[in-house]
Amino acid sequence: MVVKDSIGNNLVNGDTVILTRSLKPKGSNITLKQGTTIRNIILRENIEEIDCKVNGSSIVLRTEFLKKA
């Protein structure tokens, strides 16, 4: 399984990524700002999504909004 970020770089478990745009996750009252660094990502079976923790909350992000740090 090959998971790629918005630029086309390969992602693996434990990578660090940066948000390419500001996001407001559903079901949450926080806003993730562009440029936020997210560490220790976990890949999912769906190649377009990753699991991660931001501010102590587990969320799922789409790879189209990420670039490898």
Protein backbone atom coordinates (compact mmCIF):
# COMPACT_ATOMS: atom_id res chain seq x y z
CA MET A 1 0.00 0.00 0.00
CA VAL A 2 1.44 3.37 -1.04
CA VAL A 3 0.10 6.50 0.67
CA LYS A 4 1.06 9.88 -0.82
CA ASP A 5 0.71 13.44 0.45
CA SER A 6 -0.62 16.35 -1.61
CA ILE A 7 2.75 16.83 -3.33
CA GLY A 8 3.28 13.13 -4.11
CA ASN A 9 5.77 12.18 -1.39
CA ASN A 10 5.35 8.71 0.11
CA LEU A 11 4.10 8.62 3.72
CA VAL A 12 4.86 5.89 6.28
CA ASN A 13 3.75 5.27 9.87
CA GLY A 14 5.43 7.68 12.29
CA ASP A 15 6.09 10.45 9.76
CA THR A 16 5.70 14.14 10.54
CA VAL A 17 3.42 16.17 8.27
CA ILE A 18 2.37 19.81 7.89
CA LEU A 19 -1.15 21.07 7.08
CA THR A 20 -1.36 22.89 3.75
CA ARG A 21 -4.59 24.71 4.64
CA SER A 22 -6.67 25.54 7.71
CA LEU A 23 -9.26 22.91 8.66
CA LYS A 24 -12.22 22.70 11.03
CA PRO A 25 -12.68 18.99 11.86
CA LYS A 26 -16.27 17.77 12.11
CA GLY A 27 -17.50 17.21 15.66
CA SER A 28 -14.78 19.38 17.14
CA ASN A 29 -14.65 23.00 18.24
CA ILE A 30 -10.96 23.47 17.38
CA THR A 31 -9.53 24.91 14.17
CA LEU A 32 -6.31 23.46 12.79
CA LYS A 33 -4.34 26.30 11.22
CA GLN A 34 -2.29 26.10 8.06
CA GLY A 35 1.32 25.18 8.85
CA THR A 36 0.45 23.10 11.94
CA THR A 37 2.96 20.27 12.41
CA ILE A 38 1.54 16.84 13.18
CA ARG A 39 3.87 14.11 14.43
CA ASN A 40 3.63 10.30 14.50
CA ILE A 41 0.90 9.74 11.94
CA ILE A 42 -0.74 6.33 11.60
CA LEU A 43 -1.80 5.08 8.17
CA ARG A 44 -5.28 3.65 7.66
CA GLU A 45 -6.60 1.04 5.23
CA ASN A 46 -8.04 3.89 3.15
CA ILE A 47 -5.01 5.39 1.37
CA GLU A 48 -6.62 8.87 1.38
CA GLU A 49 -6.78 9.15 5.20
CA ILE A 50 -4.45 9.09 8.22
CA ASP A 51 -4.99 8.91 11.99
CA CYS A 52 -3.23 11.39 14.25
CA LYS A 53 -3.42 13.16 17.58
CA VAL A 54 -3.69 16.95 17.78
CA ASN A 55 -3.96 18.68 21.16
CA GLY A 56 -4.78 15.34 22.80
CA SER A 57 -7.66 14.56 20.41
CA SER A 58 -7.56 11.70 17.93
CA ILE A 59 -8.68 12.80 14.48
CA VAL A 60 -8.68 11.52 10.91
CA LEU A 61 -7.23 13.77 8.22
CA ARG A 62 -7.26 13.43 4.46
CA THR A 63 -3.86 13.25 2.78
CA GLU A 64 -4.82 15.92 0.23
CA PHE A 65 -4.36 18.57 2.97
CA LEU A 66 -0.92 17.37 4.13
CA LYS A 67 2.68 17.58 3.01
CA LYS A 68 5.62 15.65 4.43
CA ALA A 69 7.84 17.68 6.75
